[in-house]
N, C-alpha and C. Protein backbone atom coordinates (compact mmCIF):
# COMPACT_ATOMS: atom_id res chain seq x y z
N MET A 1 71.19 90.19 130.23
CA MET A 1 71.18 91.50 129.47
C MET A 1 71.26 91.07 128.00
N PRO A 2 70.56 91.83 127.14
CA PRO A 2 70.50 90.95 125.95
C PRO A 2 72.01 91.87 124.89
N LYS A 3 72.66 91.19 124.01
CA LYS A 3 73.50 91.09 123.54
C LYS A 3 74.17 92.98 122.88
N ILE A 4 72.50 93.37 122.52
CA ILE A 4 72.76 94.43 121.86
C ILE A 4 72.85 95.79 122.96
N MET A 5 72.41 95.28 124.03
CA MET A 5 72.75 95.91 125.07
C MET A 5 74.45 96.54 125.42
N HIS A 6 75.02 95.48 125.31
CA HIS A 6 76.65 95.38 125.83
C HIS A 6 77.39 96.02 124.61
N PHE A 7 76.81 96.08 123.59
CA PHE A 7 77.41 96.97 122.42
C PHE A 7 76.96 98.22 122.77
N LEU A 8 75.76 98.16 122.78
CA LEU A 8 75.48 99.88 122.94
C LEU A 8 76.07 100.51 123.80
N ASN A 9 76.43 100.15 125.39
CA ASN A 9 77.44 100.24 126.26
C ASN A 9 78.76 100.46 126.28
N TYR A 10 79.33 99.84 125.24
CA TYR A 10 80.69 99.72 124.76
C TYR A 10 81.37 100.95 124.93
N ASP A 11 80.78 101.70 123.81
CA ASP A 11 82.02 103.08 123.88
C ASP A 11 81.71 103.87 125.36
N GLU A 12 81.05 103.71 126.07
CA GLU A 12 80.81 104.77 127.42
C GLU A 12 81.13 103.83 127.80
N GLU A 13 81.47 102.21 127.96
CA GLU A 13 82.51 101.46 129.03
C GLU A 13 84.02 101.96 128.33
N ILE A 14 84.31 102.10 127.38
CA ILE A 14 85.83 102.56 127.28
C ILE A 14 85.92 103.57 127.82
N ARG A 15 85.30 104.68 127.18
CA ARG A 15 85.73 105.99 128.07
C ARG A 15 85.63 106.46 129.50
N ASP A 16 85.11 105.20 130.24
CA ASP A 16 85.19 105.31 131.74
C ASP A 16 86.66 104.32 132.30
N THR A 17 86.72 103.30 131.29
CA THR A 17 88.11 102.45 131.60
C THR A 17 89.26 103.59 131.26
N ILE A 18 89.26 104.05 130.10
CA ILE A 18 90.46 104.85 129.45
C ILE A 18 90.24 106.42 129.15
N PRO A 19 91.10 107.05 130.37
CA PRO A 19 90.61 108.68 130.17
C PRO A 19 91.12 108.69 128.96
N TYR A 20 90.12 110.05 128.36
CA TYR A 20 90.95 110.88 127.48
C TYR A 20 90.75 109.86 125.87
N TYR A 21 90.47 108.98 126.04
CA TYR A 21 89.90 107.73 124.82
C TYR A 21 89.81 108.61 123.57
N ASP A 22 88.70 109.52 123.58
CA ASP A 22 88.02 110.20 122.32
C ASP A 22 89.14 110.84 121.84
N SER A 23 90.36 111.33 122.72
CA SER A 23 91.75 112.05 121.99
C SER A 23 92.45 111.20 121.44
N PHE A 24 92.59 109.82 121.51
CA PHE A 24 93.43 108.91 120.83
C PHE A 24 92.83 108.94 119.30
N HIS A 25 91.32 109.40 119.58
CA HIS A 25 90.41 109.49 117.74
C HIS A 25 91.20 110.94 117.13
N LEU A 26 91.18 111.65 118.15
CA LEU A 26 91.26 113.22 117.45
C LEU A 26 92.73 113.26 117.49
N GLU A 27 93.26 112.64 117.84
CA GLU A 27 95.03 112.90 117.43
C GLU A 27 95.11 111.93 116.00
N ALA A 28 94.62 110.68 116.07
CA ALA A 28 94.93 109.96 114.88
C ALA A 28 94.15 110.79 113.88
N ILE A 29 93.20 111.40 113.86
CA ILE A 29 92.33 112.29 112.82
C ILE A 29 94.09 113.66 112.63
N ASN A 30 93.98 114.20 113.50
CA ASN A 30 95.33 115.26 113.22
C ASN A 30 96.26 114.55 112.20
N LEU A 31 96.65 113.60 113.14
CA LEU A 31 98.18 113.39 112.26
C LEU A 31 97.75 112.58 110.91
N VAL A 32 96.57 112.08 110.61
CA VAL A 32 96.80 111.89 109.02
C VAL A 32 95.93 113.22 108.33
N LYS A 33 95.62 114.33 108.81
CA LYS A 33 95.31 115.40 108.14
C LYS A 33 96.46 116.17 107.76
N ALA A 34 97.86 115.49 109.14
CA ALA A 34 99.03 116.73 108.76
C ALA A 34 99.83 115.67 107.28
N ILE A 35 99.97 114.25 107.55
CA ILE A 35 100.65 113.79 106.72
C ILE A 35 100.09 113.51 105.12
N ASN A 36 98.47 113.48 105.19
CA ASN A 36 97.67 113.42 104.05
C ASN A 36 96.74 113.72 104.22
N SER A 37 96.32 115.37 103.96
CA SER A 37 95.04 115.52 104.38
C SER A 37 94.05 115.48 103.06
N LYS A 38 93.78 114.39 102.08
CA LYS A 38 93.24 114.11 101.07
C LYS A 38 92.98 112.43 101.15
N PRO A 39 93.30 111.93 102.11
CA PRO A 39 93.68 110.27 101.71
C PRO A 39 92.38 109.70 100.67
N GLU A 40 92.67 108.68 100.06
CA GLU A 40 91.46 108.02 99.11
C GLU A 40 90.91 107.14 99.79
N ILE A 41 91.73 105.90 100.45
CA ILE A 41 90.98 105.09 100.96
C ILE A 41 92.05 104.53 102.27
N TRP A 42 91.14 103.88 103.15
CA TRP A 42 91.50 104.17 104.20
C TRP A 42 91.11 102.89 105.30
N LEU A 43 91.78 102.19 105.54
CA LEU A 43 91.76 100.52 106.13
C LEU A 43 91.51 100.94 107.81
N ASP A 44 90.49 100.71 108.66
CA ASP A 44 90.78 101.23 109.87
C ASP A 44 90.45 99.29 110.49
N THR A 45 91.45 98.89 111.00
CA THR A 45 91.30 97.50 111.38
C THR A 45 91.51 96.95 113.01
N GLY A 46 90.31 96.43 113.29
CA GLY A 46 89.71 96.41 114.72
C GLY A 46 89.22 97.62 114.96
N CYS A 47 88.40 97.44 114.01
CA CYS A 47 87.38 99.07 113.90
C CYS A 47 86.42 98.79 115.21
N GLY A 48 86.00 97.52 115.92
CA GLY A 48 85.10 97.64 117.13
C GLY A 48 83.92 98.37 116.67
N THR A 49 83.56 99.25 116.87
CA THR A 49 82.11 99.48 117.25
C THR A 49 81.50 100.67 115.73
N GLY A 50 82.86 101.26 115.49
CA GLY A 50 82.98 102.23 114.35
C GLY A 50 83.05 103.30 114.82
N THR A 51 82.80 103.86 116.19
CA THR A 51 83.24 104.95 116.55
C THR A 51 84.30 106.10 115.68
N PHE A 52 85.16 105.19 116.06
CA PHE A 52 86.31 106.07 115.19
C PHE A 52 86.45 106.48 113.43
N ILE A 53 85.47 105.53 112.79
CA ILE A 53 85.94 106.10 111.45
C ILE A 53 84.23 106.88 111.50
N GLU A 54 83.17 106.81 112.15
CA GLU A 54 82.28 107.52 112.59
C GLU A 54 82.54 109.43 112.44
N SER A 55 83.69 109.63 113.36
CA SER A 55 83.91 110.25 113.55
C SER A 55 85.48 111.05 112.23
N ALA A 56 85.72 109.82 111.75
CA ALA A 56 86.89 110.22 110.39
C ALA A 56 86.05 110.64 109.06
N LEU A 57 84.77 110.06 108.98
CA LEU A 57 84.05 110.39 108.17
C LEU A 57 83.46 111.89 107.79
N LYS A 58 83.19 112.57 108.78
CA LYS A 58 82.85 113.78 109.03
C LYS A 58 84.43 114.58 108.69
N HIS A 59 85.54 114.29 109.49
CA HIS A 59 86.56 115.13 108.84
C HIS A 59 87.09 114.88 107.39
N PHE A 60 87.21 113.68 106.69
CA PHE A 60 87.54 113.52 105.45
C PHE A 60 86.59 112.85 104.67
N PRO A 61 85.86 114.07 104.08
CA PRO A 61 84.27 113.90 103.06
C PRO A 61 84.68 112.84 101.39
N ASP A 62 85.55 112.66 101.26
CA ASP A 62 86.46 112.27 100.04
C ASP A 62 86.79 110.89 100.28
N THR A 63 86.71 110.69 101.29
CA THR A 63 87.70 109.22 101.91
C THR A 63 86.67 108.24 101.65
N TYR A 64 86.90 106.68 100.85
CA TYR A 64 86.36 105.14 101.72
C TYR A 64 86.94 104.74 102.07
N PHE A 65 86.06 104.49 103.51
CA PHE A 65 86.66 103.69 104.43
C PHE A 65 86.56 101.73 104.39
N ILE A 66 87.30 101.05 104.72
CA ILE A 66 87.53 99.99 104.40
C ILE A 66 87.70 99.58 105.70
N LEU A 67 86.64 98.41 106.83
CA LEU A 67 86.59 97.93 107.78
C LEU A 67 86.78 97.20 108.41
N ALA A 68 87.52 96.54 109.18
CA ALA A 68 87.78 94.26 109.15
C ALA A 68 88.07 94.72 111.12
N ASP A 69 87.37 93.93 111.74
CA ASP A 69 87.12 93.12 112.81
C ASP A 69 87.09 91.59 112.97
N PRO A 70 87.57 91.53 113.85
CA PRO A 70 87.73 89.78 114.00
C PRO A 70 86.38 89.66 114.81
N SER A 71 85.58 90.22 115.22
CA SER A 71 83.99 89.98 115.77
C SER A 71 83.02 90.66 115.04
N ILE A 72 82.50 89.91 115.20
CA ILE A 72 81.41 89.80 114.39
C ILE A 72 80.13 90.73 114.82
N GLU A 73 80.18 90.36 116.07
CA GLU A 73 79.34 91.30 116.93
C GLU A 73 79.34 92.93 116.58
N MET A 74 81.07 93.08 116.95
CA MET A 74 81.58 94.44 116.81
C MET A 74 80.93 95.00 115.35
N LEU A 75 81.58 94.16 114.15
CA LEU A 75 81.26 94.25 112.93
C LEU A 75 79.96 94.62 112.67
N GLU A 76 78.92 94.03 113.52
CA GLU A 76 77.67 94.28 113.20
C GLU A 76 77.08 95.49 114.25
N GLU A 77 77.88 95.92 115.21
CA GLU A 77 77.61 97.29 115.87
C GLU A 77 77.69 98.57 114.89
N ALA A 78 79.14 98.21 114.51
CA ALA A 78 79.60 99.08 113.44
C ALA A 78 78.67 99.38 112.19
N LYS A 79 78.49 98.32 111.10
CA LYS A 79 77.46 98.70 110.97
C LYS A 79 76.01 98.71 110.81
N ARG A 80 75.86 99.03 111.82
CA ARG A 80 74.25 99.73 112.68
C ARG A 80 74.89 100.97 112.10
N LYS A 81 75.80 101.19 112.96
CA LYS A 81 76.10 102.62 113.28
C LYS A 81 76.36 103.25 111.91
N LEU A 82 77.32 102.89 111.19
CA LEU A 82 77.37 103.71 109.90
C LEU A 82 76.90 103.51 108.73
N SER A 83 75.39 102.72 109.20
CA SER A 83 74.76 102.21 107.56
C SER A 83 74.56 103.22 106.48
N ILE A 84 74.22 103.95 106.75
CA ILE A 84 73.67 105.33 106.23
C ILE A 84 74.60 105.99 105.10
N SER A 85 76.28 105.40 105.42
CA SER A 85 77.36 106.13 104.70
C SER A 85 77.92 104.80 103.51
N ALA A 86 77.75 105.23 102.56
CA ALA A 86 78.01 104.40 101.39
C ALA A 86 79.69 104.74 100.74
N ARG A 87 80.44 105.13 101.91
CA ARG A 87 81.87 105.20 101.93
C ARG A 87 82.52 104.08 102.70
N VAL A 88 81.55 103.42 102.95
CA VAL A 88 81.81 102.64 104.10
C VAL A 88 81.54 101.15 103.74
N THR A 89 82.63 100.14 103.92
CA THR A 89 82.79 99.14 103.41
C THR A 89 83.17 98.08 104.09
N PHE A 90 82.52 97.12 104.61
CA PHE A 90 82.84 96.11 105.84
C PHE A 90 83.62 94.84 105.47
N LEU A 91 84.74 94.18 105.70
CA LEU A 91 85.05 92.92 105.28
C LEU A 91 84.49 91.77 106.40
N GLU A 92 84.37 90.63 106.27
CA GLU A 92 84.13 89.75 107.04
C GLU A 92 85.15 89.59 108.69
N PRO A 93 84.03 89.03 109.49
CA PRO A 93 85.22 89.27 110.23
C PRO A 93 86.85 88.26 110.32
N THR A 94 87.69 89.39 110.90
CA THR A 94 89.04 88.95 110.11
C THR A 94 89.93 89.76 111.14
N PRO A 95 91.02 88.90 111.58
CA PRO A 95 91.97 89.39 112.56
C PRO A 95 92.77 90.41 111.89
N THR A 96 93.88 91.36 112.12
CA THR A 96 94.46 91.99 110.97
C THR A 96 95.91 90.79 110.80
N GLN A 97 96.47 90.01 111.53
CA GLN A 97 97.15 88.97 110.66
C GLN A 97 96.31 88.34 109.83
N ASP A 98 95.43 88.09 109.88
CA ASP A 98 94.61 87.25 108.82
C ASP A 98 94.40 88.24 107.43
N LEU A 99 94.44 89.84 107.61
CA LEU A 99 94.49 90.46 106.13
C LEU A 99 95.35 90.21 105.42
N LEU A 100 96.74 90.09 106.04
CA LEU A 100 97.64 89.93 104.86
C LEU A 100 97.66 88.67 103.96
N THR A 101 97.07 87.90 104.46
CA THR A 101 96.56 86.82 103.14
C THR A 101 95.45 86.77 102.37
N GLN A 102 94.87 87.55 102.47
CA GLN A 102 93.87 87.95 101.51
C GLN A 102 94.14 88.85 100.61
N GLY A 103 95.25 88.92 100.12
CA GLY A 103 95.47 89.69 98.77
C GLY A 103 94.66 91.57 99.03
N ILE A 104 94.51 91.83 99.91
CA ILE A 104 94.09 93.31 100.17
C ILE A 104 95.36 94.28 99.97
N GLY A 105 94.32 95.40 98.57
CA GLY A 105 95.31 96.57 98.24
C GLY A 105 95.86 97.28 99.38
N ASN A 106 96.28 97.89 98.35
CA ASN A 106 97.10 99.36 98.95
C ASN A 106 96.47 100.23 99.71
N PHE A 107 96.69 101.11 100.60
CA PHE A 107 95.94 102.02 101.30
C PHE A 107 96.75 102.93 101.39
N ASP A 108 95.89 104.45 101.68
CA ASP A 108 96.82 105.54 102.30
C ASP A 108 96.90 105.85 103.24
N VAL A 109 95.79 105.46 104.51
CA VAL A 109 96.09 105.18 105.79
C VAL A 109 95.89 103.49 106.19
N ILE A 110 95.96 103.28 107.76
CA ILE A 110 95.59 102.13 107.77
C ILE A 110 95.54 102.32 109.73
N THR A 111 94.47 102.08 109.95
CA THR A 111 94.55 102.80 111.52
C THR A 111 94.30 101.28 111.96
N ALA A 112 94.72 101.26 113.58
CA ALA A 112 94.46 100.18 114.63
C ALA A 112 94.69 100.36 115.73
N ILE A 113 93.26 101.47 116.33
CA ILE A 113 93.65 102.07 117.71
C ILE A 113 93.34 101.15 118.52
N GLN A 114 93.84 100.75 119.88
CA GLN A 114 93.75 99.65 120.56
C GLN A 114 93.17 98.80 120.71
N SER A 115 93.64 98.02 118.81
CA SER A 115 93.60 96.39 119.07
C SER A 115 94.26 95.47 118.74
N HIS A 116 95.68 95.73 118.78
CA HIS A 116 96.95 95.26 118.59
C HIS A 116 97.46 94.92 119.79
N HIS A 117 97.18 95.49 121.09
CA HIS A 117 97.83 95.38 122.14
C HIS A 117 98.31 93.96 122.94
N TYR A 118 96.69 93.20 122.33
CA TYR A 118 96.59 91.58 122.99
C TYR A 118 97.45 90.72 121.98
N LEU A 119 98.45 90.83 120.94
CA LEU A 119 99.25 90.12 120.29
C LEU A 119 100.51 89.92 120.78
N THR A 120 101.09 89.22 120.37
CA THR A 120 102.49 89.35 120.87
C THR A 120 103.77 90.22 120.25
N LYS A 121 104.83 90.19 120.38
CA LYS A 121 105.50 91.27 119.87
C LYS A 121 105.93 90.62 118.57
N GLU A 122 106.11 89.54 118.21
CA GLU A 122 105.96 88.86 116.77
C GLU A 122 105.12 89.44 115.78
N GLU A 123 104.23 89.00 116.43
CA GLU A 123 102.36 88.81 115.88
C GLU A 123 102.67 90.66 115.27
N ARG A 124 102.56 91.60 116.23
CA ARG A 124 102.64 92.73 115.95
C ARG A 124 103.95 93.29 114.95
N GLY A 125 105.05 92.93 115.08
CA GLY A 125 105.89 93.12 113.97
C GLY A 125 105.69 92.68 112.71
N LYS A 126 105.04 91.35 112.55
CA LYS A 126 104.81 90.83 111.30
C LYS A 126 103.59 92.55 110.52
N ILE A 127 102.52 92.22 111.62
CA ILE A 127 101.39 93.47 111.01
C ILE A 127 102.00 94.54 110.53
N THR A 128 102.76 94.88 111.64
CA THR A 128 102.96 96.70 111.04
C THR A 128 104.65 96.49 109.84
N SER A 129 104.65 95.83 109.77
CA SER A 129 106.05 95.27 108.67
C SER A 129 105.64 95.31 107.23
N ARG A 130 103.90 95.18 107.22
CA ARG A 130 103.84 95.26 105.62
C ARG A 130 103.91 96.43 104.72
N ARG A 131 104.30 96.38 103.97
CA ARG A 131 104.10 97.45 102.52
C ARG A 131 103.36 97.67 101.90
């Protein structure tokens, strides 16, 4: 099977594996709306295929999004999916723990849905303690 087919089915496979997966996205969007209804800059790390930000773009029309993922293939799929939006920038393939060393600025929102579960407790602590 060609690589592109795998990524076209990726979101569908996630939905088959994790019941109510789309609810994670909707609840994250609702949480952001409740805390900061007009964020200016949003970092989504572990962006995968960009499906979450595809939805967030509709809910936050004035927000600028920066996407990161360690997988070049996932980033390429996200770029394909979100290429029409001038409000999206992609970082080079980078895991979240390496973003800390890149001098990346401050964000109103940082999300990492289903992307840090494979890290050790210490790695998750390091990532989530950044202020």
